[in-house]
Amino acid sequence: MASGPSKTNPIRGVEEPEPVALLSPGGTVEDALARAIEGAVAAGRWDVVAQLARELEARWLALAGVTSLADERIRREGPRSH
């Protein structure tokens, strides 16, 4: 996936991509999740709101190319045996 324009983060001193649009035209899974969150809020289902928000956040992070700390540790050290 090609990244968009970037700018230097003054705190970290590194190039970072511009934020991507949160919702894209055409009806995506992310759009459906956002609508489902609205419905869950209206219904007062805060457990469902939290679950849907976690899924939406995971999708945004994946789209932005953010790697979780746990995944990075596994990549560097290999899976741990218990």
N, C-alpha and C. Protein backbone atom coordinates (compact mmCIF):
# COMPACT_ATOMS: atom_id res chain seq x y z
N MET A 1 0.85 -1.17 0.00
CA MET A 1 0.00 0.00 0.00
C MET A 1 0.90 1.23 0.00
N ALA A 2 0.63 2.15 -0.87
CA ALA A 2 1.42 3.37 -0.94
C ALA A 2 1.00 4.31 0.17
N SER A 3 1.99 4.98 0.75
CA SER A 3 1.64 5.92 1.80
C SER A 3 1.46 7.30 1.19
N GLY A 4 0.72 8.12 1.89
CA GLY A 4 0.45 9.48 1.43
C GLY A 4 1.57 10.40 1.84
N PRO A 5 1.29 11.71 1.82
CA PRO A 5 2.30 12.67 2.20
C PRO A 5 2.73 12.47 3.65
N SER A 6 3.94 12.91 3.96
CA SER A 6 4.43 12.76 5.32
C SER A 6 4.98 14.08 5.81
N LYS A 7 5.19 14.16 7.11
CA LYS A 7 5.81 15.34 7.70
C LYS A 7 6.64 14.90 8.88
N THR A 8 7.57 15.73 9.30
CA THR A 8 8.43 15.39 10.41
C THR A 8 7.72 15.67 11.73
N ASN A 9 7.71 14.68 12.59
CA ASN A 9 7.15 14.82 13.93
C ASN A 9 8.16 15.59 14.76
N PRO A 10 7.80 16.79 15.26
CA PRO A 10 8.78 17.60 15.99
C PRO A 10 9.22 16.97 17.30
N ILE A 11 8.40 16.13 17.90
CA ILE A 11 8.76 15.51 19.16
C ILE A 11 9.70 14.33 18.94
N ARG A 12 9.37 13.48 17.98
CA ARG A 12 10.17 12.28 17.72
C ARG A 12 11.27 12.52 16.70
N GLY A 13 11.15 13.57 15.89
CA GLY A 13 12.16 13.87 14.88
C GLY A 13 12.21 12.88 13.74
N VAL A 14 11.10 12.23 13.44
CA VAL A 14 11.05 11.26 12.35
C VAL A 14 9.91 11.60 11.41
N GLU A 15 10.03 11.12 10.19
CA GLU A 15 8.97 11.31 9.21
C GLU A 15 7.80 10.41 9.56
N GLU A 16 6.60 10.97 9.56
CA GLU A 16 5.40 10.20 9.82
C GLU A 16 4.37 10.51 8.75
N PRO A 17 3.61 9.49 8.32
CA PRO A 17 2.59 9.74 7.29
C PRO A 17 1.47 10.61 7.82
N GLU A 18 0.85 11.33 6.92
CA GLU A 18 -0.34 12.11 7.27
C GLU A 18 -1.44 11.13 7.68
N PRO A 19 -2.32 11.52 8.57
CA PRO A 19 -3.43 10.63 8.94
C PRO A 19 -4.28 10.29 7.73
N VAL A 20 -4.77 9.07 7.68
CA VAL A 20 -5.64 8.66 6.59
C VAL A 20 -7.07 9.02 6.94
N ALA A 21 -7.89 9.14 5.93
CA ALA A 21 -9.30 9.43 6.17
C ALA A 21 -9.90 8.28 6.97
N LEU A 22 -10.71 8.63 7.97
CA LEU A 22 -11.28 7.60 8.82
C LEU A 22 -12.35 6.79 8.11
N LEU A 23 -13.13 7.44 7.30
CA LEU A 23 -14.17 6.75 6.56
C LEU A 23 -14.02 7.07 5.09
N SER A 24 -14.15 6.08 4.28
CA SER A 24 -14.03 6.29 2.85
C SER A 24 -15.39 6.15 2.19
N PRO A 25 -15.58 6.80 1.05
CA PRO A 25 -16.85 6.67 0.37
C PRO A 25 -17.05 5.26 -0.16
N GLY A 26 -18.27 4.86 -0.29
CA GLY A 26 -18.53 3.56 -0.89
C GLY A 26 -18.99 2.50 0.08
N GLY A 27 -19.12 2.81 1.35
CA GLY A 27 -19.63 1.84 2.30
C GLY A 27 -18.64 0.73 2.61
N THR A 28 -17.82 0.93 3.59
CA THR A 28 -16.82 -0.05 3.97
C THR A 28 -17.22 -0.73 5.28
N VAL A 29 -16.44 -1.72 5.68
CA VAL A 29 -16.65 -2.36 6.96
C VAL A 29 -16.53 -1.32 8.08
N GLU A 30 -15.58 -0.41 7.93
CA GLU A 30 -15.39 0.63 8.94
C GLU A 30 -16.64 1.51 9.06
N ASP A 31 -17.27 1.82 7.93
CA ASP A 31 -18.52 2.59 7.95
C ASP A 31 -19.60 1.82 8.72
N ALA A 32 -19.70 0.53 8.45
CA ALA A 32 -20.70 -0.29 9.13
C ALA A 32 -20.42 -0.35 10.63
N LEU A 33 -19.15 -0.46 11.01
CA LEU A 33 -18.81 -0.47 12.43
C LEU A 33 -19.19 0.86 13.09
N ALA A 34 -18.93 1.96 12.40
CA ALA A 34 -19.29 3.27 12.95
C ALA A 34 -20.79 3.39 13.15
N ARG A 35 -21.56 2.92 12.17
CA ARG A 35 -23.03 2.96 12.31
C ARG A 35 -23.49 2.04 13.44
N ALA A 36 -22.84 0.89 13.57
CA ALA A 36 -23.20 -0.04 14.65
C ALA A 36 -22.90 0.57 16.01
N ILE A 37 -21.80 1.32 16.11
CA ILE A 37 -21.47 2.01 17.36
C ILE A 37 -22.56 3.02 17.69
N GLU A 38 -23.01 3.78 16.69
CA GLU A 38 -24.08 4.75 16.91
C GLU A 38 -25.34 4.05 17.43
N GLY A 39 -25.68 2.91 16.83
CA GLY A 39 -26.86 2.17 17.27
C GLY A 39 -26.71 1.64 18.68
N ALA A 40 -25.52 1.15 19.01
CA ALA A 40 -25.28 0.63 20.35
C ALA A 40 -25.33 1.74 21.39
N VAL A 41 -24.83 2.92 21.03
CA VAL A 41 -24.92 4.08 21.94
C VAL A 41 -26.39 4.42 22.19
N ALA A 42 -27.16 4.48 21.12
CA ALA A 42 -28.58 4.81 21.24
C ALA A 42 -29.32 3.80 22.11
N ALA A 43 -28.88 2.54 22.05
CA ALA A 43 -29.52 1.48 22.83
C ALA A 43 -28.95 1.38 24.25
N GLY A 44 -27.89 2.15 24.53
CA GLY A 44 -27.28 2.09 25.84
C GLY A 44 -26.49 0.82 26.08
N ARG A 45 -26.04 0.16 25.01
CA ARG A 45 -25.27 -1.08 25.11
C ARG A 45 -23.78 -0.76 25.12
N TRP A 46 -23.29 -0.33 26.27
CA TRP A 46 -21.91 0.14 26.38
C TRP A 46 -20.91 -0.99 26.21
N ASP A 47 -21.29 -2.22 26.55
CA ASP A 47 -20.41 -3.36 26.32
C ASP A 47 -20.18 -3.56 24.82
N VAL A 48 -21.24 -3.39 24.05
CA VAL A 48 -21.14 -3.53 22.59
C VAL A 48 -20.37 -2.36 22.00
N VAL A 49 -20.59 -1.15 22.52
CA VAL A 49 -19.85 0.02 22.06
C VAL A 49 -18.35 -0.22 22.23
N ALA A 50 -17.95 -0.71 23.41
CA ALA A 50 -16.53 -0.95 23.68
C ALA A 50 -15.96 -1.99 22.73
N GLN A 51 -16.68 -3.07 22.51
CA GLN A 51 -16.21 -4.12 21.62
C GLN A 51 -16.06 -3.62 20.18
N LEU A 52 -17.07 -2.91 19.69
CA LEU A 52 -17.01 -2.38 18.33
C LEU A 52 -15.90 -1.33 18.18
N ALA A 53 -15.73 -0.51 19.21
CA ALA A 53 -14.67 0.51 19.16
C ALA A 53 -13.30 -0.14 19.10
N ARG A 54 -13.10 -1.24 19.84
CA ARG A 54 -11.81 -1.95 19.77
C ARG A 54 -11.56 -2.49 18.37
N GLU A 55 -12.59 -3.04 17.76
CA GLU A 55 -12.44 -3.56 16.40
C GLU A 55 -12.13 -2.43 15.42
N LEU A 56 -12.82 -1.32 15.54
CA LEU A 56 -12.58 -0.19 14.66
C LEU A 56 -11.17 0.34 14.85
N GLU A 57 -10.73 0.46 16.10
CA GLU A 57 -9.36 0.92 16.38
C GLU A 57 -8.33 -0.04 15.77
N ALA A 58 -8.54 -1.33 15.91
CA ALA A 58 -7.61 -2.31 15.35
C ALA A 58 -7.51 -2.16 13.84
N ARG A 59 -8.64 -1.92 13.20
CA ARG A 59 -8.61 -1.73 11.74
C ARG A 59 -7.86 -0.46 11.35
N TRP A 60 -8.09 0.64 12.10
CA TRP A 60 -7.37 1.88 11.81
C TRP A 60 -5.87 1.71 12.01
N LEU A 61 -5.48 1.05 13.09
CA LEU A 61 -4.06 0.83 13.35
C LEU A 61 -3.42 -0.04 12.27
N ALA A 62 -4.14 -1.07 11.85
CA ALA A 62 -3.63 -1.92 10.78
C ALA A 62 -3.48 -1.14 9.48
N LEU A 63 -4.46 -0.30 9.18
CA LEU A 63 -4.41 0.51 7.96
C LEU A 63 -3.23 1.48 8.01
N ALA A 64 -2.93 1.99 9.19
CA ALA A 64 -1.82 2.93 9.35
C ALA A 64 -0.47 2.22 9.43
N GLY A 65 -0.48 0.89 9.47
CA GLY A 65 0.77 0.14 9.51
C GLY A 65 1.38 0.05 10.90
N VAL A 66 0.59 0.26 11.93
CA VAL A 66 1.10 0.20 13.30
C VAL A 66 1.20 -1.27 13.72
N THR A 67 2.35 -1.64 14.25
CA THR A 67 2.58 -3.00 14.73
C THR A 67 2.42 -3.03 16.24
N SER A 68 1.72 -4.03 16.75
CA SER A 68 1.56 -4.12 18.20
C SER A 68 2.88 -4.52 18.84
N LEU A 69 3.06 -4.14 20.08
CA LEU A 69 4.28 -4.48 20.81
C LEU A 69 4.44 -5.99 20.91
N ALA A 70 3.35 -6.70 21.18
CA ALA A 70 3.42 -8.16 21.29
C ALA A 70 3.86 -8.79 19.97
N ASP A 71 3.30 -8.31 18.86
CA ASP A 71 3.68 -8.85 17.55
C ASP A 71 5.15 -8.55 17.24
N GLU A 72 5.61 -7.37 17.60
CA GLU A 72 7.01 -7.00 17.35
C GLU A 72 7.95 -7.87 18.18
N ARG A 73 7.59 -8.15 19.43
CA ARG A 73 8.43 -9.02 20.27
C ARG A 73 8.52 -10.42 19.68
N ILE A 74 7.40 -10.93 19.21
CA ILE A 74 7.40 -12.27 18.59
C ILE A 74 8.27 -12.26 17.34
N ARG A 75 8.17 -11.21 16.55
CA ARG A 75 8.97 -11.11 15.33
C ARG A 75 10.46 -11.10 15.67
N ARG A 76 10.84 -10.37 16.71
CA ARG A 76 12.26 -10.26 17.07
C ARG A 76 12.79 -11.46 17.80
N GLU A 77 12.01 -12.00 18.74
CA GLU A 77 12.51 -13.04 19.62
C GLU A 77 12.00 -14.43 19.28
N GLY A 78 10.97 -14.51 18.46
CA GLY A 78 10.35 -15.79 18.17
C GLY A 78 9.33 -16.11 19.24
N PRO A 79 8.43 -17.04 18.95
CA PRO A 79 7.40 -17.38 19.93
C PRO A 79 8.02 -18.01 21.16
N ARG A 80 7.46 -17.70 22.30
CA ARG A 80 7.93 -18.27 23.56
C ARG A 80 7.26 -19.61 23.79
N SER A 81 8.02 -20.53 24.34
CA SER A 81 7.41 -21.81 24.72
C SER A 81 7.18 -21.79 26.23
N HIS A 82 6.04 -22.30 26.66
CA HIS A 82 5.69 -22.27 28.08
C HIS A 82 6.00 -23.56 28.75
